[in-house]
């Protein structure tokens, strides 16, 4: 495990594939960050110990606390007959676990976030707010604006999924960003909505997931490897498909809002995504 203080004051933690940046403000902020630092080293070994179960379609409840968060976030979708493994919520669950440790160590925190590779657990006390930078094109190293979250608004997590992310996607979305009660819930929902942003097109290239990564939890499912030029009708059809899935999740109270993006077009559902212009 490695830990370092970044120039802007954020704490950077790295352990194998887990890469986290976090920060806290308010009473007990230093204690909160020390709690995250203390909790972090044991997370990866515990997850590795349960990988065979976590890579299977959601079913039996795992033992570890982070693994249980993963299972809880994915179980509602498995109950609907959707293909999902607990790994769909791993990044968000790690972020939630660290934020929980921080809040337990410092009940007086004003604001805090834990960003695990773009899946973010957030907290803002009453009267406080936190701005999260968003990029309409995740391939660009720049923000298009900031989404401001307020204490008491029910948002505890924000996650983004799509074909440009760190994990394979069954769909063709450039990005799907979801707001939910916690980061694990946002992570699982973003994965499934991004999978649903899809259409049959000769411009889309796919391959079995296990042909690209023998350890993938997606097995023989076809994942997107490239997307060429899409016709306007294909873009609309893919976004409509993803929007229908997001609308069902909204109706069932699984998410708070979702923004779907593909080829410069978008669909926004639920709470409005009002972006503040970057300075």
C-alpha atoms as a PDB file:
ATOM      1  CA  UNK A   1       0.000   0.000   0.000  1.00  0.00           C
ATOM      2  CA  UNK A   2       1.109   3.541  -0.730  1.00  0.00           C
ATOM      3  CA  UNK A   3      -0.146   6.817   0.732  1.00  0.00           C
ATOM      4  CA  UNK A   4       0.815  10.375  -0.176  1.00  0.00           C
ATOM      5  CA  UNK A   5      -0.414  13.894   0.426  1.00  0.00           C
ATOM      6  CA  UNK A   6      -1.041  15.696  -2.859  1.00  0.00           C
ATOM      7  CA  UNK A   7      -0.077  19.323  -3.391  1.00  0.00           C
ATOM      8  CA  UNK A   8      -3.693  20.488  -3.136  1.00  0.00           C
ATOM      9  CA  UNK A   9      -4.195  18.797   0.240  1.00  0.00           C
ATOM     10  CA  UNK A  10      -5.992  15.629  -0.882  1.00  0.00           C
ATOM     11  CA  UNK A  11      -4.854  12.259   0.437  1.00  0.00           C
ATOM     12  CA  UNK A  12      -3.938   9.673  -2.221  1.00  0.00           C
ATOM     13  CA  UNK A  13      -4.114   5.975  -1.323  1.00  0.00           C
ATOM     14  CA  UNK A  14      -3.116   3.141  -3.648  1.00  0.00           C
ATOM     15  CA  UNK A  15      -3.163  -0.622  -3.164  1.00  0.00           C
ATOM     16  CA  UNK A  16      -3.042  -2.832  -6.255  1.00  0.00           C
ATOM     17  CA  UNK A  17      -6.019  -1.924  -8.484  1.00  0.00           C
ATOM     18  CA  UNK A  18      -7.585   0.357  -5.829  1.00  0.00           C
ATOM     19  CA  UNK A  19      -6.654   3.995  -6.387  1.00  0.00           C
ATOM     20  CA  UNK A  20      -8.359   6.483  -4.072  1.00  0.00           C
ATOM     21  CA  UNK A  21      -8.225  10.231  -3.557  1.00  0.00           C
ATOM     22  CA  UNK A  22     -10.062  11.637  -0.530  1.00  0.00           C
ATOM     23  CA  UNK A  23     -10.463  14.730   1.592  1.00  0.00           C
ATOM     24  CA  UNK A  24     -12.402  15.929   4.617  1.00  0.00           C
ATOM     25  CA  UNK A  25     -13.296  19.358   5.995  1.00  0.00           C
ATOM     26  CA  UNK A  26     -14.557  20.463   9.378  1.00  0.00           C
ATOM     27  CA  UNK A  27     -14.196  19.261  12.950  1.00  0.00           C
ATOM     28  CA  UNK A  28     -12.091  16.121  13.143  1.00  0.00           C
ATOM     29  CA  UNK A  29     -10.960  16.213   9.505  1.00  0.00           C
ATOM     30  CA  UNK A  30      -7.476  14.978  10.386  1.00  0.00           C
ATOM     31  CA  UNK A  31      -8.912  12.126  12.465  1.00  0.00           C
ATOM     32  CA  UNK A  32     -11.233  11.200   9.599  1.00  0.00           C
ATOM     33  CA  UNK A  33      -8.371  10.927   7.143  1.00  0.00           C
ATOM     34  CA  UNK A  34      -6.336   8.872   9.627  1.00  0.00           C
ATOM     35  CA  UNK A  35      -9.311   6.519   9.997  1.00  0.00           C
ATOM     36  CA  UNK A  36      -9.420   6.034   6.230  1.00  0.00           C
ATOM     37  CA  UNK A  37      -5.683   5.424   6.208  1.00  0.00           C
ATOM     38  CA  UNK A  38      -6.058   2.795   8.927  1.00  0.00           C
ATOM     39  CA  UNK A  39      -8.975   1.029   7.232  1.00  0.00           C
ATOM     40  CA  UNK A  40      -7.522   0.998   3.723  1.00  0.00           C
ATOM     41  CA  UNK A  41      -4.797  -1.732   3.864  1.00  0.00           C
ATOM     42  CA  UNK A  42      -7.152  -4.560   4.840  1.00  0.00           C
ATOM     43  CA  UNK A  43      -9.761  -3.927   2.112  1.00  0.00           C
ATOM     44  CA  UNK A  44      -8.005  -5.535  -0.866  1.00  0.00           C
ATOM     45  CA  UNK A  45      -6.890  -8.744   0.906  1.00  0.00           C
ATOM     46  CA  UNK A  46     -10.439  -9.313   2.160  1.00  0.00           C
ATOM     47  CA  UNK A  47     -11.894  -8.848  -1.326  1.00  0.00           C
ATOM     48  CA  UNK A  48      -9.314 -11.151  -2.906  1.00  0.00           C
ATOM     49  CA  UNK A  49     -10.286 -13.836  -0.400  1.00  0.00           C
ATOM     50  CA  UNK A  50     -13.893 -13.739  -1.678  1.00  0.00           C
ATOM     51  CA  UNK A  51     -13.250 -13.215  -5.395  1.00  0.00           C
ATOM     52  CA  UNK A  52     -14.662 -16.578  -6.559  1.00  0.00           C
ATOM     53  CA  UNK A  53     -18.042 -15.677  -5.043  1.00  0.00           C
ATOM     54  CA  UNK A  54     -17.911 -12.016  -6.050  1.00  0.00           C
ATOM     55  CA  UNK A  55     -17.316 -12.941  -9.706  1.00  0.00           C
ATOM     56  CA  UNK A  56     -20.472 -15.071  -9.823  1.00  0.00           C
ATOM     57  CA  UNK A  57     -23.972 -13.724 -10.576  1.00  0.00           C
ATOM     58  CA  UNK A  58     -25.307 -12.181  -7.385  1.00  0.00           C
ATOM     59  CA  UNK A  59     -26.565 -14.871  -5.016  1.00  0.00           C
ATOM     60  CA  UNK A  60     -25.120 -15.971  -1.676  1.00  0.00           C
ATOM     61  CA  UNK A  61     -24.264 -13.166   0.733  1.00  0.00           C
ATOM     62  CA  UNK A  62     -20.482 -12.771   1.176  1.00  0.00           C
ATOM     63  CA  UNK A  63     -18.768 -12.397   4.553  1.00  0.00           C
ATOM     64  CA  UNK A  64     -16.666  -9.225   4.436  1.00  0.00           C
ATOM     65  CA  UNK A  65     -18.127  -5.745   5.014  1.00  0.00           C
ATOM     66  CA  UNK A  66     -17.094  -4.339   1.627  1.00  0.00           C
ATOM     67  CA  UNK A  67     -18.243  -7.489  -0.136  1.00  0.00           C
ATOM     68  CA  UNK A  68     -21.603  -7.223   1.642  1.00  0.00           C
ATOM     69  CA  UNK A  69     -21.963  -3.660   0.385  1.00  0.00           C
ATOM     70  CA  UNK A  70     -21.315  -4.937  -3.138  1.00  0.00           C
ATOM     71  CA  UNK A  71     -23.920  -7.661  -2.759  1.00  0.00           C
ATOM     72  CA  UNK A  72     -26.543  -5.306  -1.299  1.00  0.00           C
ATOM     73  CA  UNK A  73     -26.124  -2.842  -4.167  1.00  0.00           C
ATOM     74  CA  UNK A  74     -26.483  -5.538  -6.834  1.00  0.00           C
ATOM     75  CA  UNK A  75     -29.112  -7.804  -5.263  1.00  0.00           C
ATOM     76  CA  UNK A  76     -32.139  -5.710  -6.376  1.00  0.00           C
ATOM     77  CA  UNK A  77     -31.090  -6.148  -9.996  1.00  0.00           C
ATOM     78  CA  UNK A  78     -30.398  -9.854  -9.672  1.00  0.00           C
ATOM     79  CA  UNK A  79     -33.903 -10.206  -8.240  1.00  0.00           C
ATOM     80  CA  UNK A  80     -35.198  -8.616 -11.447  1.00  0.00           C
ATOM     81  CA  UNK A  81     -33.497 -11.292 -13.519  1.00  0.00           C
ATOM     82  CA  UNK A  82     -30.728  -8.999 -14.790  1.00  0.00           C
ATOM     83  CA  UNK A  83     -27.223 -10.382 -15.196  1.00  0.00           C
ATOM     84  CA  UNK A  84     -25.006  -8.712 -12.608  1.00  0.00           C
ATOM     85  CA  UNK A  85     -22.202  -9.799 -10.314  1.00  0.00           C
ATOM     86  CA  UNK A  86     -21.199  -8.018  -7.096  1.00  0.00           C
ATOM     87  CA  UNK A  87     -18.078  -6.796  -8.938  1.00  0.00           C
ATOM     88  CA  UNK A  88     -20.328  -4.224 -10.644  1.00  0.00           C
ATOM     89  CA  UNK A  89     -20.299  -2.272  -7.369  1.00  0.00           C
ATOM     90  CA  UNK A  90     -16.768  -2.887  -6.124  1.00  0.00           C
ATOM     91  CA  UNK A  91     -15.348   0.613  -6.674  1.00  0.00           C
ATOM     92  CA  UNK A  92     -18.331   2.367  -5.126  1.00  0.00           C
ATOM     93  CA  UNK A  93     -18.408  -0.048  -2.191  1.00  0.00           C
ATOM     94  CA  UNK A  94     -14.759   0.623  -1.362  1.00  0.00           C
ATOM     95  CA  UNK A  95     -15.459   4.372  -1.451  1.00  0.00           C
ATOM     96  CA  UNK A  96     -18.491   3.934   0.833  1.00  0.00           C
ATOM     97  CA  UNK A  97     -16.507   1.845   3.304  1.00  0.00           C
ATOM     98  CA  UNK A  98     -13.773   4.470   3.604  1.00  0.00           C
ATOM     99  CA  UNK A  99     -16.271   7.316   3.961  1.00  0.00           C
ATOM    100  CA  UNK A 100     -18.102   5.372   6.684  1.00  0.00           C
ATOM    101  CA  UNK A 101     -14.827   4.976   8.584  1.00  0.00           C
ATOM    102  CA  UNK A 102     -14.148   8.691   8.232  1.00  0.00           C
ATOM    103  CA  UNK A 103     -17.577   9.728   9.484  1.00  0.00           C
ATOM    104  CA  UNK A 104     -17.426   7.309  12.417  1.00  0.00           C
ATOM    105  CA  UNK A 105     -14.099   8.787  13.501  1.00  0.00           C
ATOM    106  CA  UNK A 106     -15.258  12.407  13.105  1.00  0.00           C
ATOM    107  CA  UNK A 107     -19.012  12.972  13.613  1.00  0.00           C
ATOM    108  CA  UNK A 108     -18.474  16.724  13.285  1.00  0.00           C
ATOM    109  CA  UNK A 109     -17.334  16.648   9.662  1.00  0.00           C
ATOM    110  CA  UNK A 110     -18.719  19.373   7.430  1.00  0.00           C
ATOM    111  CA  UNK A 111     -17.878  17.790   4.094  1.00  0.00           C
ATOM    112  CA  UNK A 112     -15.979  14.795   2.776  1.00  0.00           C
ATOM    113  CA  UNK A 113     -15.488  12.750  -0.363  1.00  0.00           C
ATOM    114  CA  UNK A 114     -13.784   9.510  -1.347  1.00  0.00           C
ATOM    115  CA  UNK A 115     -13.090   9.202  -5.080  1.00  0.00           C
ATOM    116  CA  UNK A 116     -12.229   5.665  -6.144  1.00  0.00           C
ATOM    117  CA  UNK A 117     -11.363   5.965  -9.820  1.00  0.00           C
ATOM    118  CA  UNK A 118     -14.377   8.175 -10.555  1.00  0.00           C
ATOM    119  CA  UNK A 119     -16.894   6.375  -8.347  1.00  0.00           C
ATOM    120  CA  UNK A 120     -17.360   8.795  -5.483  1.00  0.00           C
ATOM    121  CA  UNK A 121     -18.842   8.575  -1.983  1.00  0.00           C
ATOM    122  CA  UNK A 122     -19.843  12.044  -0.787  1.00  0.00           C
ATOM    123  CA  UNK A 123     -21.053  13.680   2.410  1.00  0.00           C
ATOM    124  CA  UNK A 124     -22.206  17.202   3.168  1.00  0.00           C
ATOM    125  CA  UNK A 125     -23.686  18.230   6.511  1.00  0.00           C
ATOM    126  CA  UNK A 126     -26.788  20.428   6.722  1.00  0.00           C
ATOM    127  CA  UNK A 127     -26.032  23.844   5.254  1.00  0.00           C
ATOM    128  CA  UNK A 128     -22.920  22.566   3.464  1.00  0.00           C
ATOM    129  CA  UNK A 129     -22.368  21.695  -0.189  1.00  0.00           C
ATOM    130  CA  UNK A 130     -19.816  19.889  -2.302  1.00  0.00           C
ATOM    131  CA  UNK A 131     -19.070  20.465  -5.998  1.00  0.00           C
ATOM    132  CA  UNK A 132     -18.156  17.422  -8.105  1.00  0.00           C
ATOM    133  CA  UNK A 133     -16.492  18.040 -11.476  1.00  0.00           C
ATOM    134  CA  UNK A 134     -18.119  16.337 -14.479  1.00  0.00           C
ATOM    135  CA  UNK A 135     -16.756  15.743 -17.964  1.00  0.00           C
ATOM    136  CA  UNK A 136     -19.186  15.244 -20.832  1.00  0.00           C
ATOM    137  CA  UNK A 137     -16.470  13.301 -22.652  1.00  0.00           C
ATOM    138  CA  UNK A 138     -14.566  11.070 -20.189  1.00  0.00           C
ATOM    139  CA  UNK A 139     -11.679  10.678 -22.635  1.00  0.00           C
ATOM    140  CA  UNK A 140     -10.756  14.337 -22.172  1.00  0.00           C
ATOM    141  CA  UNK A 141      -8.733  15.438 -19.159  1.00  0.00           C
ATOM    142  CA  UNK A 142     -10.949  18.442 -18.499  1.00  0.00           C
ATOM    143  CA  UNK A 143     -14.211  19.289 -16.747  1.00  0.00           C
ATOM    144  CA  UNK A 144     -17.259  20.759 -18.453  1.00  0.00           C
ATOM    145  CA  UNK A 145     -18.713  21.939 -15.164  1.00  0.00           C
ATOM    146  CA  UNK A 146     -19.462  21.013 -11.585  1.00  0.00           C
ATOM    147  CA  UNK A 147     -22.483  19.317 -10.070  1.00  0.00           C
ATOM    148  CA  UNK A 148     -23.182  20.843  -6.648  1.00  0.00           C
ATOM    149  CA  UNK A 149     -24.547  18.477  -4.025  1.00  0.00           C
ATOM    150  CA  UNK A 150     -26.152  19.840  -0.847  1.00  0.00           C
ATOM    151  CA  UNK A 151     -26.451  18.416   2.638  1.00  0.00           C
ATOM    152  CA  UNK A 152     -29.777  16.691   3.161  1.00  0.00           C
ATOM    153  CA  UNK A 153     -30.520  16.136  -0.541  1.00  0.00           C
ATOM    154  CA  UNK A 154     -30.184  12.365  -0.178  1.00  0.00           C
ATOM    155  CA  UNK A 155     -27.238  11.986  -2.549  1.00  0.00           C
ATOM    156  CA  UNK A 156     -24.417   9.944  -1.036  1.00  0.00           C
ATOM    157  CA  UNK A 157     -22.778   8.633  -4.190  1.00  0.00           C
ATOM    158  CA  UNK A 158     -22.045   9.438  -7.787  1.00  0.00           C
ATOM    159  CA  UNK A 159     -20.669   6.953 -10.320  1.00  0.00           C
ATOM    160  CA  UNK A 160     -19.912   6.868 -14.028  1.00  0.00           C
ATOM    161  CA  UNK A 161     -19.759   3.879 -16.354  1.00  0.00           C
ATOM    162  CA  UNK A 162     -19.384   3.348 -20.082  1.00  0.00           C
ATOM    163  CA  UNK A 163     -17.184   1.857 -22.740  1.00  0.00           C
ATOM    164  CA  UNK A 164     -14.290   4.252 -22.027  1.00  0.00           C
ATOM    165  CA  UNK A 165     -14.029   3.268 -18.358  1.00  0.00           C
ATOM    166  CA  UNK A 166     -11.686   0.909 -16.541  1.00  0.00           C
ATOM    167  CA  UNK A 167     -14.086  -2.038 -16.850  1.00  0.00           C
ATOM    168  CA  UNK A 168     -15.710  -3.739 -19.825  1.00  0.00           C
ATOM    169  CA  UNK A 169     -19.159  -2.597 -20.937  1.00  0.00           C
ATOM    170  CA  UNK A 170     -21.846  -4.516 -22.781  1.00  0.00           C
ATOM    171  CA  UNK A 171     -23.143  -1.236 -24.218  1.00  0.00           C
ATOM    172  CA  UNK A 172     -21.851   1.632 -26.318  1.00  0.00           C
ATOM    173  CA  UNK A 173     -22.395   4.647 -24.033  1.00  0.00           C
ATOM    174  CA  UNK A 174     -19.608   7.190 -23.888  1.00  0.00           C
ATOM    175  CA  UNK A 175     -20.610   7.734 -20.263  1.00  0.00           C
ATOM    176  CA  UNK A 176     -23.527   7.191 -17.905  1.00  0.00           C
ATOM    177  CA  UNK A 177     -23.423   9.169 -14.664  1.00  0.00           C
ATOM    178  CA  UNK A 178     -25.762   8.220 -11.815  1.00  0.00           C
ATOM    179  CA  UNK A 179     -26.658   9.862  -8.497  1.00  0.00           C
ATOM    180  CA  UNK A 180     -27.840   7.527  -5.737  1.00  0.00           C
ATOM    181  CA  UNK A 181     -28.067   7.139  -1.971  1.00  0.00           C
ATOM    182  CA  UNK A 182     -24.484   5.832  -1.836  1.00  0.00           C
ATOM    183  CA  UNK A 183     -21.607   5.122  -4.189  1.00  0.00           C
ATOM    184  CA  UNK A 184     -22.237   1.362  -4.359  1.00  0.00           C
ATOM    185  CA  UNK A 185     -25.827   1.889  -5.505  1.00  0.00           C
ATOM    186  CA  UNK A 186     -24.697   4.459  -8.065  1.00  0.00           C
ATOM    187  CA  UNK A 187     -21.935   2.145  -9.304  1.00  0.00           C
ATOM    188  CA  UNK A 188     -24.217  -0.847  -9.869  1.00  0.00           C
ATOM    189  CA  UNK A 189     -26.921   1.216 -11.573  1.00  0.00           C
ATOM    190  CA  UNK A 190     -24.469   3.090 -13.803  1.00  0.00           C
ATOM    191  CA  UNK A 191     -23.038  -0.238 -14.977  1.00  0.00           C
ATOM    192  CA  UNK A 192     -26.448  -1.612 -15.961  1.00  0.00           C
ATOM    193  CA  UNK A 193     -27.701   1.594 -17.574  1.00  0.00           C
ATOM    194  CA  UNK A 194     -24.483   1.854 -19.593  1.00  0.00           C
ATOM    195  CA  UNK A 195     -24.987  -1.754 -20.697  1.00  0.00           C
ATOM    196  CA  UNK A 196     -28.493  -0.844 -21.866  1.00  0.00           C
ATOM    197  CA  UNK A 197     -27.291   2.081 -24.012  1.00  0.00           C
ATOM    198  CA  UNK A 198     -26.930  -0.168 -27.027  1.00  0.00           C
ATOM    199  CA  UNK A 199     -28.137  -0.995 -30.522  1.00  0.00           C
ATOM    200  CA  UNK A 200     -27.313  -3.434 -33.289  1.00  0.00           C
ATOM    201  CA  UNK A 201     -24.997  -1.691 -35.745  1.00  0.00           C
ATOM    202  CA  UNK A 202     -22.190  -2.732 -38.099  1.00  0.00           C
ATOM    203  CA  UNK A 203     -20.198   0.143 -36.567  1.00  0.00           C
ATOM    204  CA  UNK A 204     -19.978  -1.660 -33.219  1.00  0.00           C
ATOM    205  CA  UNK A 205     -17.241  -4.255 -32.620  1.00  0.00           C
ATOM    206  CA  UNK A 206     -17.578  -6.770 -29.798  1.00  0.00           C
ATOM    207  CA  UNK A 207     -15.668  -9.692 -28.306  1.00  0.00           C
ATOM    208  CA  UNK A 208     -16.238 -12.197 -25.482  1.00  0.00           C
ATOM    209  CA  UNK A 209     -15.064 -10.671 -22.226  1.00  0.00           C
ATOM    210  CA  UNK A 210     -13.003 -13.715 -21.287  1.00  0.00           C
ATOM    211  CA  UNK A 211     -11.126 -13.529 -24.594  1.00  0.00           C
ATOM    212  CA  UNK A 212      -9.804 -10.143 -23.483  1.00  0.00           C
ATOM    213  CA  UNK A 213      -9.402 -10.978 -19.789  1.00  0.00           C
ATOM    214  CA  UNK A 214      -9.622 -14.642 -18.680  1.00  0.00           C
ATOM    215  CA  UNK A 215     -10.491 -13.466 -15.142  1.00  0.00           C
ATOM    216  CA  UNK A 216     -13.395 -11.222 -16.173  1.00  0.00           C
ATOM    217  CA  UNK A 217     -16.594 -11.730 -14.197  1.00  0.00           C
ATOM    218  CA  UNK A 218     -18.493 -11.231 -17.482  1.00  0.00           C
ATOM    219  CA  UNK A 219     -17.335 -14.588 -18.872  1.00  0.00           C
ATOM    220  CA  UNK A 220     -18.461 -15.164 -22.462  1.00  0.00           C
ATOM    221  CA  UNK A 221     -20.727 -12.105 -22.586  1.00  0.00           C
ATOM    222  CA  UNK A 222     -19.905  -9.891 -25.576  1.00  0.00           C
ATOM    223  CA  UNK A 223     -18.343  -6.583 -24.563  1.00  0.00           C
ATOM    224  CA  UNK A 224     -17.804  -3.525 -26.713  1.00  0.00           C
ATOM    225  CA  UNK A 225     -14.302  -3.085 -28.085  1.00  0.00           C
ATOM    226  CA  UNK A 226     -14.882  -0.267 -30.584  1.00  0.00           C
ATOM    227  CA  UNK A 227     -17.618   2.013 -31.893  1.00  0.00           C
ATOM    228  CA  UNK A 228     -17.325   3.588 -35.302  1.00  0.00           C
ATOM    229  CA  UNK A 229     -19.510   6.267 -36.856  1.00  0.00           C
ATOM    230  CA  UNK A 230     -23.143   5.791 -35.843  1.00  0.00           C
ATOM    231  CA  UNK A 231     -26.179   7.000 -37.738  1.00  0.00           C
ATOM    232  CA  UNK A 232     -28.383   9.526 -35.933  1.00  0.00           C
ATOM    233  CA  UNK A 233     -31.139   6.921 -35.687  1.00  0.00           C
ATOM    234  CA  UNK A 234     -28.759   4.438 -34.078  1.00  0.00           C
ATOM    235  CA  UNK A 235     -27.633   6.986 -31.484  1.00  0.00           C
ATOM    236  CA  UNK A 236     -31.241   7.834 -30.654  1.00  0.00           C
ATOM    237  CA  UNK A 237     -32.229   4.166 -30.407  1.00  0.00           C
ATOM    238  CA  UNK A 238     -29.313   3.360 -28.092  1.00  0.00           C
ATOM    239  CA  UNK A 239     -30.028   6.332 -25.817  1.00  0.00           C
ATOM    240  CA  UNK A 240     -33.738   5.521 -25.732  1.00  0.00           C
ATOM    241  CA  UNK A 241     -32.908   1.978 -24.629  1.00  0.00           C
ATOM    242  CA  UNK A 242     -30.674   3.202 -21.827  1.00  0.00           C
ATOM    243  CA  UNK A 243     -33.202   5.856 -20.794  1.00  0.00           C
ATOM    244  CA  UNK A 244     -35.923   3.214 -20.465  1.00  0.00           C
ATOM    245  CA  UNK A 245     -33.707   1.244 -18.080  1.00  0.00           C
ATOM    246  CA  UNK A 246     -32.842   4.366 -16.071  1.00  0.00           C
ATOM    247  CA  UNK A 247     -36.518   5.326 -15.866  1.00  0.00           C
ATOM    248  CA  UNK A 248     -37.359   1.904 -14.401  1.00  0.00           C
ATOM    249  CA  UNK A 249     -34.618   2.294 -11.780  1.00  0.00           C
ATOM    250  CA  UNK A 250     -35.914   5.778 -10.919  1.00  0.00           C
ATOM    251  CA  UNK A 251     -39.461   4.494 -10.590  1.00  0.00           C
ATOM    252  CA  UNK A 252     -38.299   1.786  -8.179  1.00  0.00           C
ATOM    253  CA  UNK A 253     -36.306   4.264  -6.062  1.00  0.00           C
ATOM    254  CA  UNK A 254     -32.952   2.688  -6.845  1.00  0.00           C
ATOM    255  CA  UNK A 255     -31.385   5.898  -8.172  1.00  0.00           C
ATOM    256  CA  UNK A 256     -31.942   9.651  -7.862  1.00  0.00           C
ATOM    257  CA  UNK A 257     -30.861  10.814 -11.318  1.00  0.00           C
ATOM    258  CA  UNK A 258     -28.985   9.680 -14.412  1.00  0.00           C
ATOM    259  CA  UNK A 259     -27.283  11.374 -17.356  1.00  0.00           C
ATOM    260  CA  UNK A 260     -26.598   9.276 -20.466  1.00  0.00           C
ATOM    261  CA  UNK A 261     -24.157  10.428 -23.156  1.00  0.00           C
ATOM    262  CA  UNK A 262     -23.374   9.025 -26.589  1.00  0.00           C
ATOM    263  CA  UNK A 263     -21.852  10.675 -29.677  1.00  0.00           C
ATOM    264  CA  UNK A 264     -22.537  14.187 -28.442  1.00  0.00           C
ATOM    265  CA  UNK A 265     -26.173  13.471 -27.567  1.00  0.00           C
ATOM    266  CA  UNK A 266     -27.610  12.998 -24.099  1.00  0.00           C
ATOM    267  CA  UNK A 267     -30.603  11.961 -22.023  1.00  0.00           C
ATOM    268  CA  UNK A 268     -31.144  13.254 -18.480  1.00  0.00           C
ATOM    269  CA  UNK A 269     -33.614  11.654 -16.080  1.00  0.00           C
ATOM    270  CA  UNK A 270     -34.592  12.416 -12.491  1.00  0.00           C
ATOM    271  CA  UNK A 271     -33.108  15.338 -10.618  1.00  0.00           C
ATOM    272  CA  UNK A 272     -31.847  17.984 -13.056  1.00  0.00           C
ATOM    273  CA  UNK A 273     -28.111  17.953 -13.724  1.00  0.00           C
ATOM    274  CA  UNK A 274     -27.464  21.684 -13.410  1.00  0.00           C
ATOM    275  CA  UNK A 275     -23.777  22.220 -14.026  1.00  0.00           C
ATOM    276  CA  UNK A 276     -21.891  25.214 -12.674  1.00  0.00           C
ATOM    277  CA  UNK A 277     -19.603  26.728 -15.276  1.00  0.00           C
ATOM    278  CA  UNK A 278     -15.940  26.008 -14.519  1.00  0.00           C
ATOM    279  CA  UNK A 279     -13.919  29.028 -13.404  1.00  0.00           C
END
